[in-house]
Protein backbone atom coordinates (compact mmCIF):
# COMPACT_ATOMS: atom_id res chain seq x y z
CA UNK A 1 0.00 0.00 0.00
CA UNK A 2 1.28 3.34 -0.96
CA UNK A 3 0.70 6.24 1.13
CA UNK A 4 0.14 9.50 -0.44
CA UNK A 5 0.72 12.64 1.41
CA UNK A 6 -0.99 15.69 0.42
CA UNK A 7 0.75 19.00 0.71
CA UNK A 8 -1.40 21.83 1.57
CA UNK A 9 -0.85 24.85 -0.63
CA UNK A 10 0.62 27.88 1.09
CA UNK A 11 -1.27 31.04 0.66
CA UNK A 12 0.43 33.62 -1.62
CA UNK A 13 -0.05 36.41 0.83
CA UNK A 14 2.44 34.96 3.32
CA UNK A 15 5.35 35.12 0.80
CA UNK A 16 4.98 38.82 0.01
CA UNK A 17 5.18 41.27 2.91
CA UNK A 18 2.18 43.44 3.34
CA UNK A 19 2.26 46.83 1.60
CA UNK A 20 2.50 48.69 4.85
CA UNK A 21 6.00 47.23 5.59
CA UNK A 22 7.50 47.64 2.04
CA UNK A 23 8.10 51.38 2.33
CA UNK A 24 10.15 51.12 5.60
CA UNK A 25 13.58 50.26 3.97
CA UNK A 26 13.14 53.05 1.43
CA UNK A 27 12.43 55.57 4.15
CA UNK A 28 15.47 54.44 6.18
CA UNK A 29 17.71 54.74 3.10
CA UNK A 30 16.41 58.23 2.34
CA UNK A 31 16.94 59.28 5.98
CA UNK A 32 20.56 58.04 5.88
CA UNK A 33 21.24 60.01 2.68
CA UNK A 34 19.72 63.18 4.17
CA UNK A 35 21.75 62.72 7.37
CA UNK A 36 24.95 62.30 5.36
CA UNK A 37 24.23 65.46 3.36
CA UNK A 38 23.56 67.43 6.57
CA UNK A 39 26.87 66.27 8.10
CA UNK A 40 28.90 67.14 4.99
CA UNK A 41 27.27 70.56 4.60
CA UNK A 42 27.76 71.30 8.29
CA UNK A 43 31.48 70.50 8.09
CA UNK A 44 31.96 72.66 4.98
CA UNK A 45 30.05 75.49 6.66
CA UNK A 46 32.29 75.33 9.76
CA UNK A 47 35.38 75.42 7.50
CA UNK A 48 34.02 78.46 5.67
CA UNK A 49 33.29 80.22 8.96
CA UNK A 50 36.80 79.49 10.24
CA UNK A 51 38.29 80.92 7.05
CA UNK A 52 36.18 84.03 7.28
CA UNK A 53 37.58 84.74 10.76
CA UNK A 54 41.19 84.68 9.52
CA UNK A 55 42.83 88.08 9.43
CA UNK A 56 44.15 88.72 5.96
CA UNK A 57 47.03 91.15 5.57
CA UNK A 58 46.26 94.52 4.14
CA UNK A 59 47.69 95.38 0.73
CA UNK A 60 50.28 97.61 2.44
CA UNK A 61 51.37 94.78 4.72
CA UNK A 62 51.56 92.38 1.79
CA UNK A 63 53.61 94.91 -0.21
CA UNK A 64 56.01 95.40 2.73
CA UNK A 65 56.45 91.63 2.99
CA UNK A 66 57.22 91.35 -0.72
CA UNK A 67 59.78 94.18 -0.51
CA UNK A 68 61.46 92.47 2.45
CA UNK A 69 61.71 89.21 0.49
CA UNK A 70 63.17 91.06 -2.51
CA UNK A 71 65.82 92.71 -0.31
CA UNK A 72 66.80 89.34 1.16
CA UNK A 73 67.00 87.82 -2.31
CA UNK A 74 69.22 90.70 -3.49
CA UNK A 75 71.52 90.21 -0.50
CA UNK A 76 71.82 86.51 -1.22
CA UNK A 77 72.55 87.17 -4.89
CA UNK A 78 75.26 89.70 -3.95
CA UNK A 79 76.87 87.17 -1.60
CA UNK A 80 76.74 84.50 -4.28
CA UNK A 81 78.37 86.83 -6.82
CA UNK A 82 81.07 87.76 -4.28
CA UNK A 83 81.74 84.09 -3.56
CA UNK A 84 82.01 83.37 -7.29
CA UNK A 85 84.56 86.19 -7.68
CA UNK A 86 86.62 84.85 -4.79
CA UNK A 87 86.53 81.37 -6.27
CA UNK A 88 87.77 82.71 -9.60
CA UNK A 89 90.63 84.59 -7.88
CA UNK A 90 91.66 81.56 -5.83
CA UNK A 91 91.53 79.35 -8.90
CA UNK A 92 93.80 81.76 -10.77
CA UNK A 93 96.28 81.80 -7.86
CA UNK A 94 96.27 78.01 -7.68
CA UNK A 95 96.75 77.71 -11.44
CA UNK A 96 99.74 80.06 -11.27
CA UNK A 97 101.28 78.08 -8.45
CA UNK A 98 100.70 74.81 -10.26
CA UNK A 99 102.46 76.20 -13.35
CA UNK A 100 105.37 77.37 -11.18
CA UNK A 101 105.64 73.96 -9.54
CA UNK A 102 105.56 72.26 -12.95
CA UNK A 103 108.46 74.45 -14.11
CA UNK A 104 110.44 73.73 -10.92
CA UNK A 105 109.80 70.00 -11.23
CA UNK A 106 110.96 70.08 -14.85
CA UNK A 107 114.11 71.96 -13.83
CA UNK A 108 114.78 69.46 -11.06
CA UNK A 109 114.26 66.55 -13.48
CA UNK A 110 116.68 68.16 -15.94
CA UNK A 111 119.24 68.65 -13.18
CA UNK A 112 118.85 65.05 -12.04
CA UNK A 113 119.31 63.84 -15.61
CA UNK A 114 122.38 66.05 -15.99
CA UNK A 115 123.89 64.74 -12.75
CA UNK A 116 123.07 61.15 -13.70
CA UNK A 117 124.81 61.46 -17.07
CA UNK A 118 128.00 62.99 -15.60
CA UNK A 119 130.74 60.33 -15.21
CA UNK A 120 131.75 59.51 -11.68
CA UNK A 121 134.93 61.21 -10.50
CA UNK A 122 137.61 58.78 -9.34
CA UNK A 123 139.43 59.69 -6.15
CA UNK A 124 142.92 58.90 -7.57
CA UNK A 125 144.99 62.02 -8.12
CA UNK A 126 146.04 63.02 -11.61
CA UNK A 127 149.47 64.19 -12.58
CA UNK A 128 148.63 67.79 -11.64
CA UNK A 129 147.42 66.94 -8.15
CA UNK A 130 143.73 66.94 -9.08
CA UNK A 131 141.50 63.88 -9.18
CA UNK A 132 141.04 62.34 -12.64
CA UNK A 133 138.30 63.95 -14.66
CA UNK A 134 138.40 67.10 -12.51
CA UNK A 135 139.52 70.34 -14.10
CA UNK A 136 141.12 73.15 -12.23
CA UNK A 137 137.93 75.19 -12.13
CA UNK A 138 136.90 77.49 -9.35
CA UNK A 139 135.36 75.61 -6.42
CA UNK A 140 131.58 75.74 -6.19
CA UNK A 141 130.70 78.22 -3.44
CA UNK A 142 127.64 76.14 -2.56
CA UNK A 143 129.72 73.02 -1.87
CA UNK A 144 130.58 74.09 1.66
CA UNK A 145 126.90 74.83 2.30
CA UNK A 146 125.93 71.44 0.88
CA UNK A 147 128.53 69.74 3.02
CA UNK A 148 127.13 71.45 6.12
CA UNK A 149 123.62 70.33 5.14
CA UNK A 150 124.82 66.76 4.57
CA UNK A 151 126.66 66.70 7.91
CA UNK A 152 123.64 67.99 9.86
CA UNK A 153 121.35 65.52 8.07
CA UNK A 154 123.75 62.68 8.92
CA UNK A 155 123.54 63.76 12.56
CA UNK A 156 119.75 63.23 12.38
CA UNK A 157 118.48 66.79 12.10
CA UNK A 158 115.29 67.47 10.12
CA UNK A 159 115.38 69.68 7.03
CA UNK A 160 113.50 72.39 8.92
CA UNK A 161 116.10 72.37 11.72
CA UNK A 162 118.95 72.44 9.20
CA UNK A 163 117.38 75.34 7.35
CA UNK A 164 116.95 77.27 10.60
CA UNK A 165 120.58 76.67 11.66
CA UNK A 166 122.07 77.61 8.30
CA UNK A 167 119.67 80.45 7.47
CA UNK A 168 118.46 78.70 4.30
CA UNK A 169 114.99 78.02 2.97
CA UNK A 170 113.58 74.66 4.03
CA UNK A 171 112.66 73.85 0.42
CA UNK A 172 116.25 74.36 -0.72
CA UNK A 173 117.53 72.09 2.03
CA UNK A 174 114.98 69.41 1.13
CA UNK A 175 115.92 69.65 -2.55
CA UNK A 176 119.63 69.31 -1.80
CA UNK A 177 118.96 66.27 0.39
CA UNK A 178 116.71 64.77 -2.27
CA UNK A 179 119.37 65.23 -4.95
CA UNK A 180 121.90 63.56 -2.65
CA UNK A 181 119.75 60.41 -2.51
CA UNK A 182 119.64 60.16 -6.31
C-alpha atoms as a PDB file:
ATOM      1  CA  UNK A   1       0.000   0.000   0.000  1.00  0.00           C
ATOM      2  CA  UNK A   2       1.284   3.340  -0.958  1.00  0.00           C
ATOM      3  CA  UNK A   3       0.704   6.240   1.125  1.00  0.00           C
ATOM      4  CA  UNK A   4       0.144   9.499  -0.442  1.00  0.00           C
ATOM      5  CA  UNK A   5       0.724  12.642   1.414  1.00  0.00           C
ATOM      6  CA  UNK A   6      -0.989  15.685   0.423  1.00  0.00           C
ATOM      7  CA  UNK A   7       0.752  19.002   0.708  1.00  0.00           C
ATOM      8  CA  UNK A   8      -1.401  21.832   1.569  1.00  0.00           C
ATOM      9  CA  UNK A   9      -0.852  24.851  -0.628  1.00  0.00           C
ATOM     10  CA  UNK A  10       0.616  27.876   1.090  1.00  0.00           C
ATOM     11  CA  UNK A  11      -1.269  31.038   0.664  1.00  0.00           C
ATOM     12  CA  UNK A  12       0.434  33.622  -1.615  1.00  0.00           C
ATOM     13  CA  UNK A  13      -0.051  36.412   0.835  1.00  0.00           C
ATOM     14  CA  UNK A  14       2.441  34.956   3.323  1.00  0.00           C
ATOM     15  CA  UNK A  15       5.352  35.121   0.804  1.00  0.00           C
ATOM     16  CA  UNK A  16       4.984  38.823   0.012  1.00  0.00           C
ATOM     17  CA  UNK A  17       5.182  41.270   2.911  1.00  0.00           C
ATOM     18  CA  UNK A  18       2.182  43.444   3.336  1.00  0.00           C
ATOM     19  CA  UNK A  19       2.265  46.830   1.599  1.00  0.00           C
ATOM     20  CA  UNK A  20       2.502  48.685   4.849  1.00  0.00           C
ATOM     21  CA  UNK A  21       5.996  47.226   5.594  1.00  0.00           C
ATOM     22  CA  UNK A  22       7.496  47.637   2.035  1.00  0.00           C
ATOM     23  CA  UNK A  23       8.103  51.380   2.331  1.00  0.00           C
ATOM     24  CA  UNK A  24      10.150  51.123   5.598  1.00  0.00           C
ATOM     25  CA  UNK A  25      13.578  50.258   3.974  1.00  0.00           C
ATOM     26  CA  UNK A  26      13.138  53.050   1.427  1.00  0.00           C
ATOM     27  CA  UNK A  27      12.425  55.573   4.148  1.00  0.00           C
ATOM     28  CA  UNK A  28      15.469  54.443   6.179  1.00  0.00           C
ATOM     29  CA  UNK A  29      17.712  54.739   3.095  1.00  0.00           C
ATOM     30  CA  UNK A  30      16.413  58.227   2.339  1.00  0.00           C
ATOM     31  CA  UNK A  31      16.936  59.276   5.976  1.00  0.00           C
ATOM     32  CA  UNK A  32      20.564  58.043   5.876  1.00  0.00           C
ATOM     33  CA  UNK A  33      21.241  60.008   2.684  1.00  0.00           C
ATOM     34  CA  UNK A  34      19.721  63.176   4.170  1.00  0.00           C
ATOM     35  CA  UNK A  35      21.753  62.722   7.370  1.00  0.00           C
ATOM     36  CA  UNK A  36      24.946  62.299   5.357  1.00  0.00           C
ATOM     37  CA  UNK A  37      24.228  65.455   3.358  1.00  0.00           C
ATOM     38  CA  UNK A  38      23.557  67.429   6.568  1.00  0.00           C
ATOM     39  CA  UNK A  39      26.869  66.274   8.101  1.00  0.00           C
ATOM     40  CA  UNK A  40      28.902  67.144   4.986  1.00  0.00           C
ATOM     41  CA  UNK A  41      27.273  70.562   4.601  1.00  0.00           C
ATOM     42  CA  UNK A  42      27.764  71.302   8.295  1.00  0.00           C
ATOM     43  CA  UNK A  43      31.475  70.502   8.085  1.00  0.00           C
ATOM     44  CA  UNK A  44      31.958  72.664   4.985  1.00  0.00           C
ATOM     45  CA  UNK A  45      30.052  75.489   6.661  1.00  0.00           C
ATOM     46  CA  UNK A  46      32.290  75.325   9.762  1.00  0.00           C
ATOM     47  CA  UNK A  47      35.377  75.424   7.505  1.00  0.00           C
ATOM     48  CA  UNK A  48      34.016  78.462   5.673  1.00  0.00           C
ATOM     49  CA  UNK A  49      33.287  80.223   8.963  1.00  0.00           C
ATOM     50  CA  UNK A  50      36.801  79.492  10.240  1.00  0.00           C
ATOM     51  CA  UNK A  51      38.293  80.923   7.046  1.00  0.00           C
ATOM     52  CA  UNK A  52      36.175  84.028   7.280  1.00  0.00           C
ATOM     53  CA  UNK A  53      37.579  84.740  10.763  1.00  0.00           C
ATOM     54  CA  UNK A  54      41.186  84.683   9.517  1.00  0.00           C
ATOM     55  CA  UNK A  55      42.831  88.076   9.430  1.00  0.00           C
ATOM     56  CA  UNK A  56      44.152  88.724   5.962  1.00  0.00           C
ATOM     57  CA  UNK A  57      47.034  91.151   5.574  1.00  0.00           C
ATOM     58  CA  UNK A  58      46.263  94.523   4.145  1.00  0.00           C
ATOM     59  CA  UNK A  59      47.688  95.378   0.731  1.00  0.00           C
ATOM     60  CA  UNK A  60      50.275  97.613   2.436  1.00  0.00           C
ATOM     61  CA  UNK A  61      51.374  94.778   4.722  1.00  0.00           C
ATOM     62  CA  UNK A  62      51.559  92.385   1.789  1.00  0.00           C
ATOM     63  CA  UNK A  63      53.609  94.911  -0.207  1.00  0.00           C
ATOM     64  CA  UNK A  64      56.007  95.404   2.727  1.00  0.00           C
ATOM     65  CA  UNK A  65      56.450  91.625   2.994  1.00  0.00           C
ATOM     66  CA  UNK A  66      57.220  91.355  -0.725  1.00  0.00           C
ATOM     67  CA  UNK A  67      59.784  94.180  -0.512  1.00  0.00           C
ATOM     68  CA  UNK A  68      61.456  92.469   2.453  1.00  0.00           C
ATOM     69  CA  UNK A  69      61.711  89.214   0.488  1.00  0.00           C
ATOM     70  CA  UNK A  70      63.173  91.059  -2.508  1.00  0.00           C
ATOM     71  CA  UNK A  71      65.822  92.707  -0.307  1.00  0.00           C
ATOM     72  CA  UNK A  72      66.796  89.341   1.164  1.00  0.00           C
ATOM     73  CA  UNK A  73      67.003  87.823  -2.307  1.00  0.00           C
ATOM     74  CA  UNK A  74      69.218  90.700  -3.495  1.00  0.00           C
ATOM     75  CA  UNK A  75      71.521  90.206  -0.496  1.00  0.00           C
ATOM     76  CA  UNK A  76      71.815  86.506  -1.220  1.00  0.00           C
ATOM     77  CA  UNK A  77      72.548  87.173  -4.889  1.00  0.00           C
ATOM     78  CA  UNK A  78      75.255  89.698  -3.953  1.00  0.00           C
ATOM     79  CA  UNK A  79      76.871  87.173  -1.603  1.00  0.00           C
ATOM     80  CA  UNK A  80      76.743  84.500  -4.280  1.00  0.00           C
ATOM     81  CA  UNK A  81      78.373  86.829  -6.816  1.00  0.00           C
ATOM     82  CA  UNK A  82      81.067  87.760  -4.283  1.00  0.00           C
ATOM     83  CA  UNK A  83      81.745  84.089  -3.563  1.00  0.00           C
ATOM     84  CA  UNK A  84      82.010  83.367  -7.289  1.00  0.00           C
ATOM     85  CA  UNK A  85      84.559  86.190  -7.678  1.00  0.00           C
ATOM     86  CA  UNK A  86      86.624  84.855  -4.789  1.00  0.00           C
ATOM     87  CA  UNK A  87      86.531  81.375  -6.269  1.00  0.00           C
ATOM     88  CA  UNK A  88      87.775  82.713  -9.605  1.00  0.00           C
ATOM     89  CA  UNK A  89      90.629  84.588  -7.881  1.00  0.00           C
ATOM     90  CA  UNK A  90      91.661  81.558  -5.831  1.00  0.00           C
ATOM     91  CA  UNK A  91      91.525  79.346  -8.903  1.00  0.00           C
ATOM     92  CA  UNK A  92      93.798  81.762 -10.772  1.00  0.00           C
ATOM     93  CA  UNK A  93      96.277  81.799  -7.861  1.00  0.00           C
ATOM     94  CA  UNK A  94      96.269  78.010  -7.683  1.00  0.00           C
ATOM     95  CA  UNK A  95      96.745  77.706 -11.441  1.00  0.00           C
ATOM     96  CA  UNK A  96      99.738  80.058 -11.270  1.00  0.00           C
ATOM     97  CA  UNK A  97     101.281  78.081  -8.447  1.00  0.00           C
ATOM     98  CA  UNK A  98     100.705  74.806 -10.264  1.00  0.00           C
ATOM     99  CA  UNK A  99     102.460  76.198 -13.349  1.00  0.00           C
ATOM    100  CA  UNK A 100     105.373  77.371 -11.180  1.00  0.00           C
ATOM    101  CA  UNK A 101     105.640  73.962  -9.543  1.00  0.00           C
ATOM    102  CA  UNK A 102     105.561  72.261 -12.951  1.00  0.00           C
ATOM    103  CA  UNK A 103     108.462  74.450 -14.108  1.00  0.00           C
ATOM    104  CA  UNK A 104     110.435  73.729 -10.924  1.00  0.00           C
ATOM    105  CA  UNK A 105     109.801  70.000 -11.226  1.00  0.00           C
ATOM    106  CA  UNK A 106     110.957  70.075 -14.845  1.00  0.00           C
ATOM    107  CA  UNK A 107     114.110  71.955 -13.829  1.00  0.00           C
ATOM    108  CA  UNK A 108     114.780  69.456 -11.056  1.00  0.00           C
ATOM    109  CA  UNK A 109     114.258  66.550 -13.475  1.00  0.00           C
ATOM    110  CA  UNK A 110     116.678  68.164 -15.939  1.00  0.00           C
ATOM    111  CA  UNK A 111     119.242  68.654 -13.176  1.00  0.00           C
ATOM    112  CA  UNK A 112     118.854  65.052 -12.041  1.00  0.00           C
ATOM    113  CA  UNK A 113     119.310  63.839 -15.614  1.00  0.00           C
ATOM    114  CA  UNK A 114     122.382  66.049 -15.990  1.00  0.00           C
ATOM    115  CA  UNK A 115     123.891  64.740 -12.752  1.00  0.00           C
ATOM    116  CA  UNK A 116     123.070  61.150 -13.696  1.00  0.00           C
ATOM    117  CA  UNK A 117     124.806  61.462 -17.074  1.00  0.00           C
ATOM    118  CA  UNK A 118     128.005  62.989 -15.599  1.00  0.00           C
ATOM    119  CA  UNK A 119     130.736  60.327 -15.212  1.00  0.00           C
ATOM    120  CA  UNK A 120     131.748  59.509 -11.679  1.00  0.00           C
ATOM    121  CA  UNK A 121     134.932  61.214 -10.505  1.00  0.00           C
ATOM    122  CA  UNK A 122     137.610  58.782  -9.339  1.00  0.00           C
ATOM    123  CA  UNK A 123     139.433  59.689  -6.148  1.00  0.00           C
ATOM    124  CA  UNK A 124     142.919  58.903  -7.565  1.00  0.00           C
ATOM    125  CA  UNK A 125     144.990  62.018  -8.123  1.00  0.00           C
ATOM    126  CA  UNK A 126     146.044  63.015 -11.610  1.00  0.00           C
ATOM    127  CA  UNK A 127     149.473  64.186 -12.576  1.00  0.00           C
ATOM    128  CA  UNK A 128     148.633  67.788 -11.639  1.00  0.00           C
ATOM    129  CA  UNK A 129     147.418  66.941  -8.154  1.00  0.00           C
ATOM    130  CA  UNK A 130     143.726  66.938  -9.079  1.00  0.00           C
ATOM    131  CA  UNK A 131     141.501  63.877  -9.183  1.00  0.00           C
ATOM    132  CA  UNK A 132     141.040  62.341 -12.640  1.00  0.00           C
ATOM    133  CA  UNK A 133     138.298  63.953 -14.656  1.00  0.00           C
ATOM    134  CA  UNK A 134     138.402  67.100 -12.514  1.00  0.00           C
ATOM    135  CA  UNK A 135     139.517  70.340 -14.104  1.00  0.00           C
ATOM    136  CA  UNK A 136     141.118  73.149 -12.229  1.00  0.00           C
ATOM    137  CA  UNK A 137     137.926  75.185 -12.134  1.00  0.00           C
ATOM    138  CA  UNK A 138     136.904  77.488  -9.352  1.00  0.00           C
ATOM    139  CA  UNK A 139     135.363  75.612  -6.420  1.00  0.00           C
ATOM    140  CA  UNK A 140     131.578  75.739  -6.194  1.00  0.00           C
ATOM    141  CA  UNK A 141     130.699  78.223  -3.440  1.00  0.00           C
ATOM    142  CA  UNK A 142     127.636  76.140  -2.558  1.00  0.00           C
ATOM    143  CA  UNK A 143     129.722  73.019  -1.868  1.00  0.00           C
ATOM    144  CA  UNK A 144     130.581  74.087   1.664  1.00  0.00           C
ATOM    145  CA  UNK A 145     126.901  74.829   2.301  1.00  0.00           C
ATOM    146  CA  UNK A 146     125.934  71.440   0.878  1.00  0.00           C
ATOM    147  CA  UNK A 147     128.526  69.737   3.023  1.00  0.00           C
ATOM    148  CA  UNK A 148     127.134  71.452   6.124  1.00  0.00           C
ATOM    149  CA  UNK A 149     123.619  70.328   5.136  1.00  0.00           C
ATOM    150  CA  UNK A 150     124.818  66.758   4.572  1.00  0.00           C
ATOM    151  CA  UNK A 151     126.659  66.696   7.908  1.00  0.00           C
ATOM    152  CA  UNK A 152     123.636  67.993   9.862  1.00  0.00           C
ATOM    153  CA  UNK A 153     121.355  65.522   8.067  1.00  0.00           C
ATOM    154  CA  UNK A 154     123.753  62.676   8.922  1.00  0.00           C
ATOM    155  CA  UNK A 155     123.541  63.765  12.560  1.00  0.00           C
ATOM    156  CA  UNK A 156     119.749  63.226  12.380  1.00  0.00           C
ATOM    157  CA  UNK A 157     118.484  66.793  12.096  1.00  0.00           C
ATOM    158  CA  UNK A 158     115.290  67.467  10.125  1.00  0.00           C
ATOM    159  CA  UNK A 159     115.378  69.676   7.025  1.00  0.00           C
ATOM    160  CA  UNK A 160     113.495  72.390   8.920  1.00  0.00           C
ATOM    161  CA  UNK A 161     116.103  72.371  11.722  1.00  0.00           C
ATOM    162  CA  UNK A 162     118.950  72.437   9.196  1.00  0.00           C
ATOM    163  CA  UNK A 163     117.380  75.344   7.346  1.00  0.00           C
ATOM    164  CA  UNK A 164     116.951  77.274  10.596  1.00  0.00           C
ATOM    165  CA  UNK A 165     120.577  76.674  11.657  1.00  0.00           C
ATOM    166  CA  UNK A 166     122.068  77.613   8.302  1.00  0.00           C
ATOM    167  CA  UNK A 167     119.668  80.447   7.469  1.00  0.00           C
ATOM    168  CA  UNK A 168     118.461  78.704   4.303  1.00  0.00           C
ATOM    169  CA  UNK A 169     114.987  78.023   2.971  1.00  0.00           C
ATOM    170  CA  UNK A 170     113.583  74.658   4.030  1.00  0.00           C
ATOM    171  CA  UNK A 171     112.656  73.854   0.417  1.00  0.00           C
ATOM    172  CA  UNK A 172     116.246  74.357  -0.720  1.00  0.00           C
ATOM    173  CA  UNK A 173     117.534  72.093   2.035  1.00  0.00           C
ATOM    174  CA  UNK A 174     114.983  69.411   1.128  1.00  0.00           C
ATOM    175  CA  UNK A 175     115.917  69.655  -2.549  1.00  0.00           C
ATOM    176  CA  UNK A 176     119.633  69.309  -1.804  1.00  0.00           C
ATOM    177  CA  UNK A 177     118.964  66.272   0.392  1.00  0.00           C
ATOM    178  CA  UNK A 178     116.706  64.766  -2.266  1.00  0.00           C
ATOM    179  CA  UNK A 179     119.370  65.227  -4.952  1.00  0.00           C
ATOM    180  CA  UNK A 180     121.898  63.563  -2.649  1.00  0.00           C
ATOM    181  CA  UNK A 181     119.753  60.410  -2.506  1.00  0.00           C
ATOM    182  CA  UNK A 182     119.636  60.156  -6.312  1.00  0.00           C
END
